[in-house]
Every structure is written in structure tokens, then in C-alpha cells.
Amino acid sequence: MITSAALPRWWVPGDWNGFFGLFTNVVLNVIVLTGLCLHVVNLPPDIVYGRILPALGIALPLGNLYYAYLAWRLAKSEGRNDVTAMPYGPSVPHMFIVVFLIMLPIYLKTHDALLAWRSGLVWCLVIGAIVLLGAFVGPTVRKYTPRAAMLGTLAGISIAFISMRPAFLGWEDPWLFMLSLTIVLVSWMAGVRLPYGLPGGLAAVVLGTVLAWLAKLVHLDDLMQPTEVVAALGQFGLRLPYPSTDFAKALGDIGPLLVTAVPLGIYNFTEGMNNVESASAAGDNYNLRKILLADGVGAVVGSMLGSPFPPAVYIGHPGWKSVGGRIGYSLATGVAIALVCFLGLTALLLALVPLVAILPILLYIGLVIGAQAFQASPAKHAPAVVLAIIPNIAEWAKINIDGALGAAGTSADKVGMAALGQVGVVYHGLATLGGGSVLAGMVLGAMAAFIIDRKLTQAAIVAFVGAAFAFIGLIHGPHLGWMVSPLVSLGYVMFGAVCLLMSRQDAPPAAA
């Protein structure tokens, strides 16, 4: 604890763990989106390194610095020295969505990479506007939604989209992955102090990098390539952002962009709301409206400077808190990311540091968030947590099936539902359940939690809301529209009707 006269410390030793973990997480995503722009949409390098990355170099640090300030204010007002700033970075789902659902189709249709980029800017601007609106309704939603529903759907994201891919990629180079994973788990999960007080994340990545280059030197593993380091040096140089009206040149075609922008904007503020609840469960009670306003402003500022990638409050606050991160790790991450983006260092970092040495950090964060949903919710709500997780698993499975079929030059529609069903792939059910997975998980988790508490009227109300969402495609549908999933809506209505009928029955009080 701190005394009333003392001020919170901007930096503590544990911030090294938080900084290295969050920085590697964010910079890894910056590296990935750089590759997507260059090699998927075929954007010119001068647009990627001269416009998109410098714009991110402003939009991302704005959030990191602001969240550090909010943490300092919270620590000062509550007289605590253990407040952890909210993590912030580019929204990972939106990275892939804006590339593969917005920019790539436009590029393939028009062969105009600049038009594709400008359309992405408009899409990002709309996302930001929706998140800003969500800042005013999010607190009310949070007030009436069971914690199991919010943390459960967040656990689904962490298990499906944060934990699984790093684990699978890691086992492609298991010897190096297991070494880095051991250091991360022993230092962070068990709390064992490393020699000389080295931060666990830093030690894992540095040792993994050294061993990867030594393995290359003795011809044990070809993971690292010196020629890539030389090529990456060619992108080094100072590039600063500047505002422009590039986004305005694609405003005329905004209609089709709204089909994905509206539900994904809702996804952004829903996920932000869940992350604030996750931080609250870990002991840090932030003002949700202020958190979401920063998200929305980051997306709007980024789009006007040239980035089609909306930032977002990150999942993982309890993880960074558990390894000692407080306020400074967010400040340091913002400054470091700005330098990486302004100087064009993403290619160099990717060439120097083996990805497999970074992956255990992401896996650890996924483990902590998945566990928190059960630890911070009432034990009797565990089934509700599991139900909230399942839609995200369904969405993850569908994405992987689509990717496998696409690599084979076909699709689920071409193969046919019957043929897929014969080999045990329930594709239609995966696609329906996984549509709008974050929001769907919250709805299903809330229904289950209210039923467990025998609050059947509240469960019915949530079911009717779910019916409305499914009817217009916000959940359990591939797009927005009218009567998108009418049978799903009917199912929710029937669920609600049964709950209302049963609420009239005399029943003993729910067990504590």
C-alpha cells in the first residue's frame, strides 16, 4: 500500500515483465499486419511503411499512454501500488477481417491496391464511430450481465484465438518452444526468481533467440536466415504520419462496408466491456466509458492518418498483473511501438527474433484469461462459463476448416454439407453457432447463469434479446440483414417462452 502523501510509482521491477510481454505481443501483431498488407493485398511498401505503420505509431501509443494515466489516477485515488494499466494494441480479429473481407476482395475485383486501402480506412472509421457510441451504452449492459457470461466469452477468445495457434506453431519447433515455455511458466506461473532477477519474458526470448542463431551456425536448425536480416535493414528510416483525406475517396461505397463494420464495432465495445470486467475481477475497477472512448478515438485517429487497423483494449490484464506489470509497462510499450513504427523496424525484428521464442508468452496469457473465467465467477456458474466459451470454439473451427478447404481449391459449399457430414464435420452447425461468437457467447452464458440462479424471467428477457440479435444477423448469422437466421430466432423465442412459463411454478430457492 502507499501512503496518502505518496504518489504511485511510474515504474517498478515487475514492469520489465509486463513491458517485454506486452511489447512482444503488440509488435508481433504489427509484424503480422505488415506482412498481410504487403503479401496479401499487395500494397506498395511506401504505403505500408510510409502511411500505415506511422499512423499506428500514433494511434497505438495514444491508448497505451492514456491507459497508463488512468492506472496512475486509480492508484492515487485508492492509495494502492498494485494497480495494473489496461493493455492496448491492434485488434487481432479485425486485422484479418479488414484484410480478407474488405481490402482483398476489392483488390481482386479492381486490381487497385490504393482503393482497397482507402476502403479499409473508411471501414476503420466506422468501427471507431460505433465504439464511441458503445461507450455510452456499454456501462448499462455491463451492469445487468452476469460476470460468468462476460468472462466466459472472453475465455473462449483466449482459448480459441490466443492459446491454440501459439501452441500449434510452437510444436513445429518443439525443442526451442519448450525451452522458452519452461522459463515463462516457472518464472510467471510459479513465481520463481530467475538468476540476477532477470524478467522471465525477456529471458525466454533472449535465450531462445541466441540458441536459434547458434542452431543455424552448427546446421542443427534452419529457422533463422541471415539474408533476411540484410534485406530488412533496407526498410530502416524515419517516417512520420500526416493527416489526409484518403478515406474520403472511398466514402461513396460505404454501404457494403457497413455489413461487417456494424457488427464488428459492436464486437469491439463488447470485448472492451468484457476486458474491463476481467480487470475488475483482478482488483482494478476502471471506468468502462473512459476505456471505450480511448478505443474509439484510436480507431478514428488511425484511419485519418492512414491505418485501416482499429486498435482495442487487449485481453490479458490479469496476466500482466500476475507477472508484476503495473503502470510503466504500458508507457514503455507505447513509446517502443512508436519507435518501431516510425523507423520501419518491424521487418528487422521479425528477421532477428524467432517467432517460436515469443509464442509461449501469448500461450501464458491465454491460460490466465481462460482460468480467470472460472476463478472469478461463482463456482455454481461454471456451466454458464463453458456455454459462453463454445461459440468461440465453433468460430475457430470454422475458420480452420475454411482455410483447409481453400488451400485445396474448394469450399464448404462446393464440397456440400452432406459430404462433410459423412466425415463428421458438422459445418452448418459450426457456422451458425459461431456467427457473432463474442456476442453469442455473452447471450448464451447470461441465459445459463440466470437459469442457475433460478431467475427465469431474466433468462427469458435475455433469450428474447438473443432472438432479436439473430433475426438481424448480429449473432448466428454471416451478415447483417432482415430475417438472417429466423429459425435460430424462433429457438430463442421458444427458450424464453418456456422460461416464462416455468417462472410461474413454485420452486425452492436456488442453492448458494
Protein backbone atom coordinates (compact mmCIF):
# COMPACT_ATOMS: atom_id res chain seq x y z
CA MET A 1 0.00 0.00 0.00
CA ILE A 2 1.05 3.61 -0.45
CA THR A 3 0.55 6.43 1.99
CA SER A 4 -1.87 9.23 1.26
CA ALA A 5 1.06 11.63 0.79
CA ALA A 6 2.95 9.37 -1.60
CA LEU A 7 2.38 9.21 -5.32
CA PRO A 8 2.12 5.96 -7.30
CA ARG A 9 5.39 4.82 -8.86
CA TRP A 10 5.54 5.05 -12.63
CA TRP A 11 7.93 2.09 -12.84
CA VAL A 12 8.51 -1.00 -10.69
CA PRO A 13 10.72 -4.04 -11.38
CA GLY A 14 7.72 -6.11 -12.48
CA ASP A 15 7.10 -3.65 -15.30
CA TRP A 16 10.01 -5.24 -17.14
CA ASN A 17 7.99 -8.46 -17.35
CA GLY A 18 4.86 -6.58 -18.37
CA PHE A 19 6.69 -4.43 -20.91
CA PHE A 20 8.52 -7.25 -22.60
CA GLY A 21 5.42 -9.41 -22.69
CA LEU A 22 3.04 -6.73 -23.99
CA PHE A 23 5.59 -5.22 -26.35
CA THR A 24 6.37 -8.57 -27.95
CA ASN A 25 2.62 -9.27 -28.19
CA VAL A 26 1.87 -5.94 -29.88
CA VAL A 27 4.93 -5.88 -32.11
CA LEU A 28 4.19 -9.44 -33.22
CA ASN A 29 0.74 -8.29 -34.35
CA VAL A 30 2.26 -5.26 -36.08
CA ILE A 31 4.63 -7.60 -37.91
CA VAL A 32 1.73 -9.83 -38.96
CA LEU A 33 -0.42 -6.98 -40.28
CA THR A 34 2.62 -5.64 -42.16
CA GLY A 35 3.01 -8.98 -43.91
CA LEU A 36 -0.71 -9.13 -44.71
CA CYS A 37 -0.63 -5.69 -46.32
CA LEU A 38 2.48 -6.43 -48.38
CA HIS A 39 1.83 -10.00 -49.46
CA VAL A 40 -1.96 -10.44 -49.44
CA VAL A 41 -3.31 -7.08 -50.60
CA ASN A 42 -0.06 -6.25 -52.45
CA LEU A 43 0.04 -2.72 -51.09
CA PRO A 44 3.13 -0.77 -52.15
CA PRO A 45 5.89 -0.68 -49.48
CA ASP A 46 5.74 3.13 -49.39
CA ILE A 47 2.07 2.91 -48.29
CA VAL A 48 2.79 0.23 -45.68
CA TYR A 49 5.97 1.72 -44.23
CA GLY A 50 5.19 5.34 -45.02
CA ARG A 51 1.49 5.62 -44.13
CA ILE A 52 0.03 2.60 -42.29
CA LEU A 53 2.82 1.94 -39.77
CA PRO A 54 3.44 5.63 -38.90
CA ALA A 55 -0.33 6.01 -38.34
CA LEU A 56 -0.23 3.05 -35.97
CA GLY A 57 2.76 4.74 -34.35
CA ILE A 58 0.36 7.46 -33.22
CA ALA A 59 -2.90 5.53 -32.68
CA LEU A 60 -1.40 2.74 -30.53
CA PRO A 61 0.76 4.85 -28.15
CA LEU A 62 -2.18 7.21 -27.59
CA GLY A 63 -4.06 4.33 -25.98
CA ASN A 64 -1.05 3.00 -24.06
CA LEU A 65 -0.26 6.41 -22.60
CA TYR A 66 -3.88 7.14 -21.75
CA TYR A 67 -4.38 3.78 -20.04
CA ALA A 68 -1.18 4.35 -18.05
CA TYR A 69 -2.60 7.70 -16.93
CA LEU A 70 -5.90 6.06 -15.90
CA ALA A 71 -3.95 3.48 -13.90
CA TRP A 72 -1.96 6.23 -12.17
CA ARG A 73 -5.19 8.07 -11.32
CA LEU A 74 -6.77 4.87 -9.96
CA ALA A 75 -3.70 4.03 -7.88
CA LYS A 76 -3.59 7.54 -6.46
CA SER A 77 -7.30 7.71 -5.64
CA GLU A 78 -7.36 4.29 -3.95
CA GLY A 79 -3.97 4.56 -2.26
CA ARG A 80 -2.65 1.38 -3.87
CA ASN A 81 0.63 0.45 -5.53
CA ASP A 82 -0.60 -2.70 -7.27
CA VAL A 83 -2.81 -1.17 -9.99
CA THR A 84 -2.10 -2.52 -13.48
CA ALA A 85 -2.77 -0.47 -16.61
CA MET A 86 -5.04 -1.96 -19.26
CA PRO A 87 -3.11 -3.45 -22.22
CA TYR A 88 -3.71 -1.97 -25.67
CA GLY A 89 -2.81 -2.82 -29.25
CA PRO A 90 -4.17 -3.56 -32.75
CA SER A 91 -7.35 -5.65 -32.63
CA VAL A 92 -6.28 -9.11 -33.80
CA PRO A 93 -9.63 -10.32 -35.25
CA HIS A 94 -10.07 -7.03 -37.09
CA MET A 95 -6.59 -7.33 -38.60
CA PHE A 96 -7.61 -10.41 -40.53
CA ILE A 97 -11.15 -9.25 -41.22
CA VAL A 98 -10.20 -5.91 -42.79
CA VAL A 99 -7.59 -7.67 -44.94
CA PHE A 100 -9.55 -10.72 -46.09
CA LEU A 101 -13.14 -9.40 -46.05
CA ILE A 102 -12.63 -5.76 -47.01
CA MET A 103 -9.38 -4.94 -48.78
CA LEU A 104 -8.59 -8.22 -50.56
CA PRO A 105 -11.99 -8.61 -52.33
CA ILE A 106 -11.79 -5.01 -53.54
CA TYR A 107 -8.24 -5.54 -54.76
CA LEU A 108 -9.14 -8.77 -56.58
CA LYS A 109 -12.12 -7.08 -58.22
CA THR A 110 -10.44 -3.81 -59.24
CA HIS A 111 -6.70 -4.60 -59.08
CA ASP A 112 -6.41 -1.23 -57.39
CA ALA A 113 -4.47 -1.63 -54.15
CA LEU A 114 -4.90 2.04 -53.24
CA LEU A 115 -8.68 1.79 -53.49
CA ALA A 116 -8.58 -1.30 -51.29
CA TRP A 117 -6.52 0.58 -48.71
CA ARG A 118 -8.85 3.60 -48.78
CA SER A 119 -11.87 1.35 -48.32
CA GLY A 120 -10.14 -0.14 -45.30
CA LEU A 121 -9.71 3.37 -43.89
CA VAL A 122 -13.46 4.04 -44.21
CA TRP A 123 -14.24 0.72 -42.57
CA CYS A 124 -11.91 1.52 -39.66
CA LEU A 125 -13.51 4.96 -39.28
CA VAL A 126 -16.98 3.39 -39.00
CA ILE A 127 -15.66 0.89 -36.43
CA GLY A 128 -14.36 3.78 -34.33
CA ALA A 129 -17.65 5.67 -34.52
CA ILE A 130 -19.62 2.62 -33.34
CA VAL A 131 -17.23 2.04 -30.43
CA LEU A 132 -17.65 5.68 -29.40
CA LEU A 133 -21.42 5.16 -29.35
CA GLY A 134 -20.94 1.92 -27.43
CA ALA A 135 -19.12 3.84 -24.70
CA PHE A 136 -22.47 5.28 -23.65
CA VAL A 137 -24.47 2.03 -23.62
CA GLY A 138 -21.72 -0.36 -22.51
CA PRO A 139 -21.89 0.52 -18.79
CA THR A 140 -25.60 -0.35 -18.69
CA VAL A 141 -25.02 -3.68 -20.43
CA ARG A 142 -22.20 -4.48 -18.02
CA LYS A 143 -24.41 -3.69 -15.02
CA TYR A 144 -27.05 -6.27 -15.93
CA THR A 145 -24.88 -9.02 -17.46
CA PRO A 146 -23.62 -11.86 -15.21
CA ARG A 147 -19.86 -11.97 -14.79
CA ALA A 148 -19.80 -15.61 -15.96
CA ALA A 149 -21.21 -14.54 -19.33
CA MET A 150 -18.68 -11.76 -19.88
CA LEU A 151 -15.63 -13.63 -18.64
CA GLY A 152 -16.80 -16.87 -20.27
CA THR A 153 -16.92 -15.44 -23.77
CA LEU A 154 -13.54 -13.79 -23.10
CA ALA A 155 -12.19 -17.19 -22.07
CA GLY A 156 -13.47 -18.55 -25.37
CA ILE A 157 -11.44 -15.95 -27.24
CA SER A 158 -8.36 -16.69 -25.17
CA ILE A 159 -8.60 -20.45 -25.65
CA ALA A 160 -9.50 -20.44 -29.32
CA PHE A 161 -7.71 -17.43 -30.76
CA ILE A 162 -4.84 -16.75 -28.33
CA SER A 163 -3.80 -20.13 -26.92
CA MET A 164 -4.33 -22.66 -29.69
CA ARG A 165 -2.39 -21.13 -32.57
CA PRO A 166 0.73 -20.31 -30.50
CA ALA A 167 0.66 -23.85 -29.08
CA PHE A 168 0.36 -25.43 -32.53
CA LEU A 169 3.02 -23.17 -34.06
CA GLY A 170 5.30 -23.84 -31.13
CA TRP A 171 5.25 -27.57 -31.64
CA GLU A 172 6.58 -27.10 -35.15
CA ASP A 173 9.90 -26.29 -33.43
CA PRO A 174 9.30 -28.09 -30.13
CA TRP A 175 12.84 -28.03 -28.72
CA LEU A 176 13.06 -24.24 -28.74
CA PHE A 177 9.42 -23.69 -27.84
CA MET A 178 9.59 -25.97 -24.80
CA LEU A 179 12.68 -24.18 -23.51
CA SER A 180 11.05 -20.74 -23.70
CA LEU A 181 7.77 -22.12 -22.36
CA THR A 182 9.56 -23.62 -19.33
CA ILE A 183 11.14 -20.27 -18.46
CA VAL A 184 7.82 -18.43 -18.83
CA LEU A 185 5.85 -20.92 -16.72
CA VAL A 186 8.47 -21.28 -13.98
CA SER A 187 9.05 -17.53 -13.64
CA TRP A 188 5.50 -16.30 -14.16
CA MET A 189 3.20 -19.11 -13.10
CA ALA A 190 5.30 -20.49 -10.23
CA GLY A 191 6.83 -17.13 -9.32
CA VAL A 192 10.38 -18.49 -9.16
CA ARG A 193 13.00 -15.73 -9.27
CA LEU A 194 15.43 -16.11 -12.16
CA PRO A 195 19.19 -15.59 -11.70
CA TYR A 196 20.15 -11.91 -11.34
CA GLY A 197 16.46 -11.02 -11.16
CA LEU A 198 16.04 -11.27 -14.95
CA PRO A 199 12.45 -10.77 -16.21
CA GLY A 200 11.01 -14.11 -17.30
CA GLY A 201 9.69 -12.91 -20.65
CA LEU A 202 12.96 -11.21 -21.55
CA ALA A 203 15.00 -14.24 -20.54
CA ALA A 204 12.80 -16.60 -22.59
CA VAL A 205 13.05 -14.52 -25.76
CA VAL A 206 16.75 -13.64 -25.47
CA LEU A 207 17.82 -17.20 -24.71
CA GLY A 208 15.54 -18.54 -27.45
CA THR A 209 16.99 -16.07 -29.95
CA VAL A 210 20.61 -16.91 -29.05
CA LEU A 211 20.00 -20.65 -29.30
CA ALA A 212 18.14 -20.30 -32.60
CA TRP A 213 21.11 -18.49 -34.18
CA LEU A 214 23.56 -21.00 -32.68
CA ALA A 215 21.46 -23.83 -34.14
CA LYS A 216 21.75 -22.14 -37.52
CA LEU A 217 25.51 -21.79 -37.08
CA VAL A 218 26.03 -25.52 -36.37
CA HIS A 219 23.44 -26.57 -39.01
CA LEU A 220 21.06 -28.05 -36.43
CA ASP A 221 18.06 -25.93 -37.49
CA ASP A 222 17.44 -23.53 -40.39
CA LEU A 223 14.90 -21.44 -38.51
CA MET A 224 16.93 -18.22 -38.84
CA GLN A 225 18.14 -16.76 -42.15
CA PRO A 226 20.94 -14.11 -42.22
CA THR A 227 19.88 -12.95 -45.68
CA GLU A 228 16.53 -11.83 -44.25
CA VAL A 229 18.32 -9.61 -41.73
CA VAL A 230 20.25 -7.88 -44.52
CA ALA A 231 17.08 -7.37 -46.55
CA ALA A 232 15.22 -6.00 -43.52
CA LEU A 233 17.84 -3.28 -42.97
CA GLY A 234 16.68 -1.72 -46.23
CA GLN A 235 13.41 -0.61 -44.59
CA PHE A 236 15.15 1.32 -41.83
CA GLY A 237 14.47 5.08 -41.85
CA LEU A 238 12.38 7.78 -40.19
CA ARG A 239 8.79 8.05 -41.45
CA LEU A 240 6.30 10.30 -39.68
CA PRO A 241 2.49 10.26 -40.08
CA TYR A 242 0.40 13.05 -41.50
CA PRO A 243 -3.37 13.56 -41.80
CA SER A 244 -5.04 13.26 -45.19
CA THR A 245 -8.42 12.80 -46.82
CA ASP A 246 -7.61 9.42 -48.37
CA PHE A 247 -10.53 7.82 -46.52
CA ALA A 248 -12.95 10.28 -48.11
CA LYS A 249 -12.17 8.93 -51.59
CA ALA A 250 -13.95 5.66 -50.73
CA LEU A 251 -16.95 7.08 -48.85
CA GLY A 252 -19.19 6.60 -51.88
CA ASP A 253 -19.02 2.82 -51.46
CA ILE A 254 -19.62 2.79 -47.70
CA GLY A 255 -22.84 0.72 -47.90
CA PRO A 256 -21.25 -2.73 -48.37
CA LEU A 257 -18.65 -1.90 -45.72
CA LEU A 258 -21.35 -1.40 -43.09
CA VAL A 259 -22.33 -5.09 -43.34
CA THR A 260 -19.19 -6.04 -41.42
CA ALA A 261 -18.37 -2.71 -39.74
CA VAL A 262 -21.56 -2.53 -37.66
CA PRO A 263 -21.38 -5.99 -36.02
CA LEU A 264 -17.61 -5.73 -35.60
CA GLY A 265 -17.94 -2.32 -33.99
CA ILE A 266 -20.36 -3.92 -31.55
CA TYR A 267 -17.84 -6.74 -31.12
CA ASN A 268 -15.16 -4.19 -30.23
CA PHE A 269 -17.08 -2.50 -27.47
CA THR A 270 -18.43 -5.84 -26.23
CA GLU A 271 -14.90 -7.23 -25.94
CA GLY A 272 -13.76 -4.00 -24.30
CA MET A 273 -16.57 -4.31 -21.79
CA ASN A 274 -15.54 -7.89 -21.02
CA ASN A 275 -11.90 -6.87 -20.58
CA VAL A 276 -12.88 -4.16 -18.10
CA GLU A 277 -14.87 -6.78 -16.18
CA SER A 278 -11.81 -9.03 -16.29
CA ALA A 279 -9.68 -6.24 -14.80
CA SER A 280 -12.32 -5.64 -12.14
CA ALA A 281 -12.22 -9.32 -11.19
CA ALA A 282 -8.45 -8.92 -10.78
CA GLY A 283 -8.94 -5.95 -8.46
CA ASP A 284 -8.69 -2.91 -10.75
CA ASN A 285 -12.04 -1.17 -11.29
CA TYR A 286 -11.78 1.07 -14.34
CA ASN A 287 -14.40 3.40 -15.75
CA LEU A 288 -15.75 1.50 -18.76
CA ARG A 289 -16.80 4.63 -20.63
CA LYS A 290 -13.30 6.10 -20.48
CA ILE A 291 -11.76 2.83 -21.68
CA LEU A 292 -14.11 2.56 -24.66
CA LEU A 293 -13.73 6.22 -25.61
CA ALA A 294 -9.99 5.64 -25.96
CA ASP A 295 -10.69 2.65 -28.23
CA GLY A 296 -12.99 4.66 -30.46
CA VAL A 297 -10.69 7.68 -30.66
CA GLY A 298 -7.74 5.41 -31.52
CA ALA A 299 -9.62 3.91 -34.48
CA VAL A 300 -10.80 7.30 -35.75
CA VAL A 301 -7.37 8.95 -35.43
CA GLY A 302 -5.65 5.96 -37.02
CA SER A 303 -7.99 5.93 -40.03
CA MET A 304 -7.50 9.65 -40.65
CA LEU A 305 -3.73 9.22 -40.53
CA GLY A 306 -3.72 6.19 -42.83
CA SER A 307 -4.22 2.98 -40.83
CA PRO A 308 -7.13 0.61 -41.59
CA PHE A 309 -6.43 -1.38 -38.40
CA PRO A 310 -8.54 -0.35 -35.39
CA PRO A 311 -6.81 -0.64 -32.01
CA ALA A 312 -8.52 -2.09 -28.98
CA VAL A 313 -8.12 -2.66 -25.27
CA TYR A 314 -6.41 -6.03 -25.09
CA ILE A 315 -7.41 -9.19 -23.38
CA GLY A 316 -4.81 -10.14 -20.75
CA HIS A 317 -4.88 -7.60 -17.90
CA PRO A 318 -4.82 -10.32 -15.17
CA GLY A 319 -1.84 -11.95 -16.89
CA TRP A 320 0.25 -8.80 -16.90
CA LYS A 321 -0.82 -8.09 -13.33
CA SER A 322 0.24 -11.56 -12.21
CA VAL A 323 3.78 -11.08 -13.58
CA GLY A 324 4.22 -7.72 -11.82
CA GLY A 325 3.26 -5.23 -14.53
CA ARG A 326 1.84 -2.00 -13.12
CA ILE A 327 1.82 1.43 -14.83
CA GLY A 328 5.18 1.78 -16.54
CA TYR A 329 4.85 -1.26 -18.78
CA SER A 330 2.06 0.45 -20.72
CA LEU A 331 4.01 3.70 -21.06
CA ALA A 332 7.13 1.88 -22.23
CA THR A 333 5.17 -0.23 -24.71
CA GLY A 334 3.61 2.88 -26.27
CA VAL A 335 6.99 4.58 -26.72
CA ALA A 336 8.68 1.43 -28.06
CA ILE A 337 5.89 0.69 -30.55
CA ALA A 338 6.01 4.29 -31.81
CA LEU A 339 9.75 3.93 -32.48
CA VAL A 340 9.27 0.59 -34.24
CA CYS A 341 6.57 2.04 -36.50
CA PHE A 342 8.31 5.34 -37.23
CA LEU A 343 11.66 3.70 -38.00
CA GLY A 344 10.38 0.73 -40.04
CA LEU A 345 11.87 -1.83 -37.65
CA THR A 346 9.16 -4.50 -37.96
CA ALA A 347 10.95 -6.37 -40.72
CA LEU A 348 14.24 -6.31 -38.79
CA LEU A 349 12.67 -7.63 -35.59
CA LEU A 350 10.98 -10.44 -37.49
CA ALA A 351 14.30 -11.39 -39.06
CA LEU A 352 16.28 -11.28 -35.80
CA VAL A 353 13.92 -12.85 -33.24
CA PRO A 354 12.46 -16.35 -33.80
CA LEU A 355 8.69 -16.34 -33.52
CA VAL A 356 8.77 -19.61 -31.58
CA ALA A 357 10.57 -17.86 -28.68
CA ILE A 358 7.74 -15.32 -28.37
CA LEU A 359 4.82 -17.74 -28.62
CA PRO A 360 4.99 -19.03 -25.00
CA ILE A 361 4.17 -15.51 -23.78
CA LEU A 362 0.94 -15.50 -25.79
CA LEU A 363 0.10 -19.00 -24.61
CA TYR A 364 0.59 -17.98 -20.96
CA ILE A 365 -1.76 -15.01 -21.33
CA GLY A 366 -4.37 -17.29 -22.87
CA LEU A 367 -4.05 -19.70 -19.96
CA VAL A 368 -4.51 -16.96 -17.36
CA ILE A 369 -7.61 -15.48 -19.01
CA GLY A 370 -9.19 -18.89 -19.56
CA ALA A 371 -8.64 -19.77 -15.90
CA GLN A 372 -9.93 -16.41 -14.61
CA ALA A 373 -13.42 -17.03 -16.00
CA PHE A 374 -13.79 -19.93 -13.57
CA GLN A 375 -11.84 -18.43 -10.68
CA ALA A 376 -13.62 -15.05 -10.61
CA SER A 377 -17.16 -16.31 -11.21
CA PRO A 378 -19.33 -18.12 -8.66
CA ALA A 379 -18.47 -21.81 -8.69
CA LYS A 380 -22.06 -22.76 -9.50
CA HIS A 381 -21.83 -20.65 -12.70
CA ALA A 382 -19.11 -22.89 -14.18
CA PRO A 383 -21.56 -24.47 -16.67
CA ALA A 384 -22.52 -20.98 -17.86
CA VAL A 385 -18.84 -20.18 -18.42
CA VAL A 386 -18.43 -23.31 -20.53
CA LEU A 387 -21.50 -22.48 -22.59
CA ALA A 388 -20.16 -18.95 -23.22
CA ILE A 389 -16.87 -20.43 -24.44
CA ILE A 390 -18.37 -22.78 -27.04
CA PRO A 391 -19.36 -20.23 -29.77
CA ASN A 392 -15.76 -19.01 -29.99
CA ILE A 393 -14.55 -22.60 -30.35
CA ALA A 394 -17.10 -23.04 -33.14
CA GLU A 395 -15.88 -19.91 -34.92
CA TRP A 396 -12.26 -21.05 -34.59
CA ALA A 397 -13.09 -24.47 -36.04
CA LYS A 398 -15.00 -22.94 -38.96
CA ILE A 399 -12.11 -20.61 -39.82
CA ASN A 400 -9.68 -23.52 -39.87
CA ILE A 401 -11.98 -25.70 -41.98
CA ASP A 402 -12.47 -22.85 -44.43
CA GLY A 403 -8.72 -22.34 -44.60
CA ALA A 404 -8.05 -26.03 -45.26
CA LEU A 405 -10.72 -26.24 -47.95
CA GLY A 406 -9.47 -23.02 -49.54
CA ALA A 407 -5.93 -24.40 -49.68
CA ALA A 408 -7.35 -27.39 -51.55
CA GLY A 409 -9.01 -25.07 -54.05
CA THR A 410 -12.55 -25.68 -52.88
CA SER A 411 -15.05 -24.53 -50.25
CA ALA A 412 -17.70 -25.92 -47.94
CA ASP A 413 -20.45 -25.02 -50.41
CA LYS A 414 -18.69 -26.87 -53.23
CA VAL A 415 -18.00 -29.96 -51.13
CA GLY A 416 -21.57 -29.96 -49.77
CA MET A 417 -22.94 -30.28 -46.26
CA ALA A 418 -23.83 -33.94 -46.76
CA ALA A 419 -20.30 -34.90 -47.78
CA LEU A 420 -18.81 -33.01 -44.85
CA GLY A 421 -21.31 -34.61 -42.50
CA GLN A 422 -20.30 -38.09 -43.62
CA VAL A 423 -16.79 -37.50 -42.26
CA GLY A 424 -18.05 -35.98 -39.01
CA VAL A 425 -17.74 -32.28 -39.90
CA VAL A 426 -20.90 -30.51 -38.72
CA TYR A 427 -20.11 -27.43 -40.78
CA HIS A 428 -23.52 -25.76 -40.87
CA GLY A 429 -23.88 -26.01 -37.11
CA LEU A 430 -20.38 -24.60 -36.59
CA ALA A 431 -21.08 -21.66 -38.87
CA THR A 432 -24.43 -20.91 -37.24
CA LEU A 433 -23.25 -21.22 -33.64
CA GLY A 434 -20.02 -19.30 -34.31
CA GLY A 435 -21.61 -16.33 -36.07
CA GLY A 436 -21.04 -13.24 -33.91
CA SER A 437 -19.30 -15.53 -31.42
CA VAL A 438 -18.37 -12.93 -28.78
CA LEU A 439 -21.89 -11.55 -28.51
CA ALA A 440 -23.44 -15.02 -28.89
CA GLY A 441 -21.31 -16.33 -26.04
CA MET A 442 -22.44 -13.50 -23.79
CA VAL A 443 -26.10 -14.14 -24.58
CA LEU A 444 -25.90 -17.90 -24.02
CA GLY A 445 -23.75 -17.52 -20.91
CA ALA A 446 -26.14 -14.96 -19.41
CA MET A 447 -29.15 -17.20 -20.08
CA ALA A 448 -27.43 -20.12 -18.37
CA ALA A 449 -26.26 -18.05 -15.38
CA PHE A 450 -29.75 -16.67 -14.77
CA ILE A 451 -31.22 -20.16 -15.00
CA ILE A 452 -28.68 -21.48 -12.50
CA ASP A 453 -29.78 -18.68 -10.14
CA ARG A 454 -33.42 -19.55 -10.93
CA LYS A 455 -34.02 -16.06 -12.26
CA LEU A 456 -36.12 -17.39 -15.09
CA THR A 457 -37.72 -14.08 -16.01
CA GLN A 458 -34.30 -12.52 -16.56
CA ALA A 459 -33.27 -15.57 -18.58
CA ALA A 460 -36.34 -15.11 -20.76
CA ILE A 461 -35.55 -11.44 -21.35
CA VAL A 462 -32.02 -12.31 -22.46
CA ALA A 463 -33.41 -15.02 -24.75
CA PHE A 464 -35.76 -12.54 -26.42
CA VAL A 465 -32.84 -10.14 -26.92
CA GLY A 466 -30.93 -13.04 -28.47
CA ALA A 467 -33.86 -13.70 -30.80
CA ALA A 468 -33.75 -10.09 -32.00
CA PHE A 469 -29.98 -10.23 -32.49
CA ALA A 470 -30.22 -13.45 -34.51
CA PHE A 471 -33.08 -12.07 -36.60
CA ILE A 472 -30.89 -9.22 -37.90
CA GLY A 473 -27.66 -11.24 -38.07
CA LEU A 474 -25.72 -9.84 -35.13
CA ILE A 475 -25.35 -13.40 -33.83
CA HIS A 476 -25.62 -16.80 -35.51
CA GLY A 477 -25.51 -15.28 -38.99
CA PRO A 478 -22.94 -14.48 -41.69
CA HIS A 479 -24.03 -10.87 -42.24
CA LEU A 480 -26.41 -8.14 -41.19
CA GLY A 481 -29.86 -8.11 -42.74
CA TRP A 482 -33.51 -8.91 -42.17
CA MET A 483 -34.60 -12.43 -41.25
CA VAL A 484 -30.98 -13.61 -41.42
CA SER A 485 -31.49 -16.56 -39.03
CA PRO A 486 -35.25 -16.86 -38.48
CA LEU A 487 -35.14 -20.43 -37.17
CA VAL A 488 -32.49 -19.51 -34.64
CA SER A 489 -34.65 -16.56 -33.59
CA LEU A 490 -37.58 -18.94 -33.18
CA GLY A 491 -35.45 -21.16 -30.97
CA TYR A 492 -34.56 -18.24 -28.70
CA VAL A 493 -38.23 -17.19 -28.53
CA MET A 494 -39.26 -20.72 -27.55
CA PHE A 495 -36.49 -20.77 -24.94
CA GLY A 496 -37.76 -17.51 -23.47
CA ALA A 497 -41.37 -18.68 -23.53
CA VAL A 498 -40.53 -21.86 -21.62
CA CYS A 499 -38.59 -19.84 -19.04
CA LEU A 500 -41.57 -17.52 -18.54
CA LEU A 501 -43.93 -20.46 -18.11
CA MET A 502 -41.62 -22.17 -15.65
CA SER A 503 -41.12 -18.95 -13.69
CA ARG A 504 -44.75 -19.24 -12.62
CA GLN A 505 -44.10 -22.57 -10.95
CA ASP A 506 -43.34 -22.70 -7.27
CA ALA A 507 -39.73 -23.71 -6.74
CA PRO A 508 -37.35 -23.85 -3.78
CA PRO A 509 -34.73 -21.09 -3.64
CA ALA A 510 -31.52 -21.55 -5.57
CA ALA A 511 -28.66 -23.17 -3.73
CA ALA A 512 -25.90 -20.80 -2.68
